[in-house]
Structure formats: C-alpha cells, structure tokens
Amino acid sequence: MRILSKTFVVDLALAGLVFGATAFAPDMAHAQASGADSFLQDIFCKAINLVQGSTAQALATIAIIIVGIGALLGRVNWGMAALIVAGIALIFGAGQIASFIGGGTECAA
C-alpha cells in the first residue's frame, strides 16, 4: 500500500530545494537595488530581453497574421485566438505589470 504518491514526493523535494536555496544563500535571496549588479539578475535580464526582443516581436507578428488569415478563411476558433492575443499581451507587458505591482525598475533593453 502506497501512502505517498510519486508526484507528491517530487513536489515536496522541489519545495525543499527552493527553501534550501533561499534559506542558505542569503545573497541570492535578497535582490540588490541597483541595476544589473548581481550575476543572477544579469542572467534574468538577458532572458527577459530575449523573450521580449525583436525576434519575439517578429514571431508575435507572424502569430497574429496567421490568426488573421484564419479569420478571413473562417477557420478560427475564437477562444484560441483570444488566448493567443492575451498571451502576447502578457508576454510583452510583463515588465510593466511587474514594475507596477512591485514598484521596482525594469531590466534595461
């Protein structure tokens, strides 16, 4: 008889790993206030710039064009089209949303 499921044990192990990383590494747990001073902050800023950069904007434009062509042909599932538009809006607006909620600054482009 199994008392704990495998997914519960994996989730518990991941939670313990995150707790250990933040509890035993105070430098990583407390973000610095100025610019991209820390190594981790620099990595995250580069990832954000990659996701929100010109290549991502081109892919978003292509996705909107495909949805538009599908709409012209009458083949659009409007729920999926709304999800695509909402996803694009959230991806490119994430920095402003996080800045509004946290009151911090965004990564430099």
C-alpha atoms as a PDB file:
ATOM      1  CA  MET A   1       0.000   0.000   0.000  1.00  0.00           C
ATOM      2  CA  ARG A   2       1.450   3.359  -1.077  1.00  0.00           C
ATOM      3  CA  ILE A   3       0.983   6.192   1.349  1.00  0.00           C
ATOM      4  CA  LEU A   4       2.670   8.917  -0.724  1.00  0.00           C
ATOM      5  CA  SER A   5       2.322   9.292  -4.465  1.00  0.00           C
ATOM      6  CA  LYS A   6       5.387   9.782  -6.619  1.00  0.00           C
ATOM      7  CA  THR A   7       4.322  13.265  -7.762  1.00  0.00           C
ATOM      8  CA  PHE A   8       3.802  14.387  -4.155  1.00  0.00           C
ATOM      9  CA  VAL A   9       7.306  13.256  -3.233  1.00  0.00           C
ATOM     10  CA  VAL A  10       8.781  15.069  -6.249  1.00  0.00           C
ATOM     11  CA  ASP A  11       6.843  18.260  -5.397  1.00  0.00           C
ATOM     12  CA  LEU A  12       7.984  18.034  -1.795  1.00  0.00           C
ATOM     13  CA  ALA A  13      11.611  17.574  -2.876  1.00  0.00           C
ATOM     14  CA  LEU A  14      11.413  20.602  -5.203  1.00  0.00           C
ATOM     15  CA  ALA A  15       9.878  22.720  -2.440  1.00  0.00           C
ATOM     16  CA  GLY A  16      12.684  21.661  -0.109  1.00  0.00           C
ATOM     17  CA  LEU A  17      15.271  22.525  -2.745  1.00  0.00           C
ATOM     18  CA  VAL A  18      13.805  26.000  -3.245  1.00  0.00           C
ATOM     19  CA  PHE A  19      13.618  26.543   0.511  1.00  0.00           C
ATOM     20  CA  GLY A  20      17.209  25.421   0.942  1.00  0.00           C
ATOM     21  CA  ALA A  21      18.425  27.665  -1.867  1.00  0.00           C
ATOM     22  CA  THR A  22      16.777  30.733  -0.348  1.00  0.00           C
ATOM     23  CA  ALA A  23      17.494  29.933   3.297  1.00  0.00           C
ATOM     24  CA  PHE A  24      21.153  29.014   2.939  1.00  0.00           C
ATOM     25  CA  ALA A  25      22.114  31.502   0.241  1.00  0.00           C
ATOM     26  CA  PRO A  26      21.108  34.934   1.552  1.00  0.00           C
ATOM     27  CA  ASP A  27      22.936  36.743  -1.245  1.00  0.00           C
ATOM     28  CA  MET A  28      20.616  35.176  -3.790  1.00  0.00           C
ATOM     29  CA  ALA A  29      17.532  35.597  -1.620  1.00  0.00           C
ATOM     30  CA  HIS A  30      17.857  39.362  -1.269  1.00  0.00           C
ATOM     31  CA  ALA A  31      17.916  41.160  -4.590  1.00  0.00           C
ATOM     32  CA  GLN A  32      20.174  44.168  -4.923  1.00  0.00           C
ATOM     33  CA  ALA A  33      18.542  47.530  -5.536  1.00  0.00           C
ATOM     34  CA  SER A  34      20.762  48.968  -8.249  1.00  0.00           C
ATOM     35  CA  GLY A  35      20.954  47.880 -11.899  1.00  0.00           C
ATOM     36  CA  ALA A  36      22.286  44.518 -13.003  1.00  0.00           C
ATOM     37  CA  ASP A  37      24.846  44.237 -10.198  1.00  0.00           C
ATOM     38  CA  SER A  38      24.398  40.584  -9.400  1.00  0.00           C
ATOM     39  CA  PHE A  39      25.110  37.651 -11.640  1.00  0.00           C
ATOM     40  CA  LEU A  40      21.617  36.196 -11.297  1.00  0.00           C
ATOM     41  CA  GLN A  41      19.915  39.491 -12.055  1.00  0.00           C
ATOM     42  CA  ASP A  42      22.025  39.844 -15.189  1.00  0.00           C
ATOM     43  CA  ILE A  43      21.006  36.365 -16.346  1.00  0.00           C
ATOM     44  CA  PHE A  44      17.309  37.075 -15.750  1.00  0.00           C
ATOM     45  CA  CYS A  45      17.524  40.423 -17.543  1.00  0.00           C
ATOM     46  CA  LYS A  46      19.140  38.745 -20.550  1.00  0.00           C
ATOM     47  CA  ALA A  47      16.374  36.121 -20.588  1.00  0.00           C
ATOM     48  CA  ILE A  48      13.692  38.825 -20.423  1.00  0.00           C
ATOM     49  CA  ASN A  49      15.339  40.765 -23.245  1.00  0.00           C
ATOM     50  CA  LEU A  50      15.472  37.557 -25.298  1.00  0.00           C
ATOM     51  CA  VAL A  51      11.776  36.814 -24.740  1.00  0.00           C
ATOM     52  CA  GLN A  52      10.710  40.419 -25.394  1.00  0.00           C
ATOM     53  CA  GLY A  53      13.260  41.304 -28.086  1.00  0.00           C
ATOM     54  CA  SER A  54      12.889  41.895 -31.793  1.00  0.00           C
ATOM     55  CA  THR A  55      12.844  38.178 -32.680  1.00  0.00           C
ATOM     56  CA  ALA A  56       9.967  37.608 -30.262  1.00  0.00           C
ATOM     57  CA  GLN A  57       8.130  40.608 -31.709  1.00  0.00           C
ATOM     58  CA  ALA A  58       8.532  39.155 -35.189  1.00  0.00           C
ATOM     59  CA  LEU A  59       7.168  35.780 -34.027  1.00  0.00           C
ATOM     60  CA  ALA A  60       4.221  37.523 -32.335  1.00  0.00           C
ATOM     61  CA  THR A  61       3.516  39.414 -35.550  1.00  0.00           C
ATOM     62  CA  ILE A  62       3.560  36.165 -37.519  1.00  0.00           C
ATOM     63  CA  ALA A  63       1.169  34.579 -34.987  1.00  0.00           C
ATOM     64  CA  ILE A  64      -1.255  37.492 -35.355  1.00  0.00           C
ATOM     65  CA  ILE A  65      -1.003  37.287 -39.156  1.00  0.00           C
ATOM     66  CA  ILE A  66      -1.795  33.564 -39.042  1.00  0.00           C
ATOM     67  CA  VAL A  67      -4.804  34.203 -36.805  1.00  0.00           C
ATOM     68  CA  GLY A  68      -5.936  36.970 -39.186  1.00  0.00           C
ATOM     69  CA  ILE A  69      -5.650  34.692 -42.223  1.00  0.00           C
ATOM     70  CA  GLY A  70      -7.592  32.027 -40.340  1.00  0.00           C
ATOM     71  CA  ALA A  71     -10.275  34.605 -39.551  1.00  0.00           C
ATOM     72  CA  LEU A  72     -10.539  35.573 -43.229  1.00  0.00           C
ATOM     73  CA  LEU A  73     -10.959  31.921 -44.164  1.00  0.00           C
ATOM     74  CA  GLY A  74     -13.485  31.291 -41.393  1.00  0.00           C
ATOM     75  CA  ARG A  75     -11.298  28.684 -39.687  1.00  0.00           C
ATOM     76  CA  VAL A  76     -10.632  30.465 -36.403  1.00  0.00           C
ATOM     77  CA  ASN A  77     -11.509  29.080 -33.024  1.00  0.00           C
ATOM     78  CA  TRP A  78     -12.170  32.426 -31.350  1.00  0.00           C
ATOM     79  CA  GLY A  79     -11.277  31.138 -27.908  1.00  0.00           C
ATOM     80  CA  MET A  80      -7.823  30.136 -29.145  1.00  0.00           C
ATOM     81  CA  ALA A  81      -7.443  33.466 -30.963  1.00  0.00           C
ATOM     82  CA  ALA A  82      -8.260  35.333 -27.740  1.00  0.00           C
ATOM     83  CA  LEU A  83      -5.719  33.193 -25.847  1.00  0.00           C
ATOM     84  CA  ILE A  84      -3.023  33.966 -28.414  1.00  0.00           C
ATOM     85  CA  VAL A  85      -3.683  37.711 -28.201  1.00  0.00           C
ATOM     86  CA  ALA A  86      -3.834  37.631 -24.383  1.00  0.00           C
ATOM     87  CA  GLY A  87      -0.610  35.615 -24.222  1.00  0.00           C
ATOM     88  CA  ILE A  88       1.197  38.075 -26.476  1.00  0.00           C
ATOM     89  CA  ALA A  89      -0.093  40.986 -24.397  1.00  0.00           C
ATOM     90  CA  LEU A  90       1.063  39.343 -21.164  1.00  0.00           C
ATOM     91  CA  ILE A  91       4.499  38.451 -22.533  1.00  0.00           C
ATOM     92  CA  PHE A  92       5.243  41.937 -23.795  1.00  0.00           C
ATOM     93  CA  GLY A  93       3.522  43.697 -20.887  1.00  0.00           C
ATOM     94  CA  ALA A  94       5.026  41.559 -18.132  1.00  0.00           C
ATOM     95  CA  GLY A  95       7.771  44.059 -17.301  1.00  0.00           C
ATOM     96  CA  GLN A  96       5.320  46.917 -16.856  1.00  0.00           C
ATOM     97  CA  ILE A  97       2.935  44.734 -14.835  1.00  0.00           C
ATOM     98  CA  ALA A  98       5.721  43.566 -12.508  1.00  0.00           C
ATOM     99  CA  SER A  99       7.014  47.124 -12.160  1.00  0.00           C
ATOM    100  CA  PHE A 100       3.526  48.361 -11.272  1.00  0.00           C
ATOM    101  CA  ILE A 101       2.965  45.635  -8.670  1.00  0.00           C
ATOM    102  CA  GLY A 102       6.441  45.643  -7.136  1.00  0.00           C
ATOM    103  CA  GLY A 103       7.275  49.292  -7.627  1.00  0.00           C
ATOM    104  CA  GLY A 104      10.720  48.353  -8.932  1.00  0.00           C
ATOM    105  CA  THR A 105      12.558  49.075 -12.130  1.00  0.00           C
ATOM    106  CA  GLU A 106      12.638  47.019 -15.279  1.00  0.00           C
ATOM    107  CA  CYS A 107      15.648  45.494 -16.989  1.00  0.00           C
ATOM    108  CA  ALA A 108      17.355  47.773 -19.473  1.00  0.00           C
ATOM    109  CA  ALA A 109      16.684  46.806 -23.080  1.00  0.00           C
END
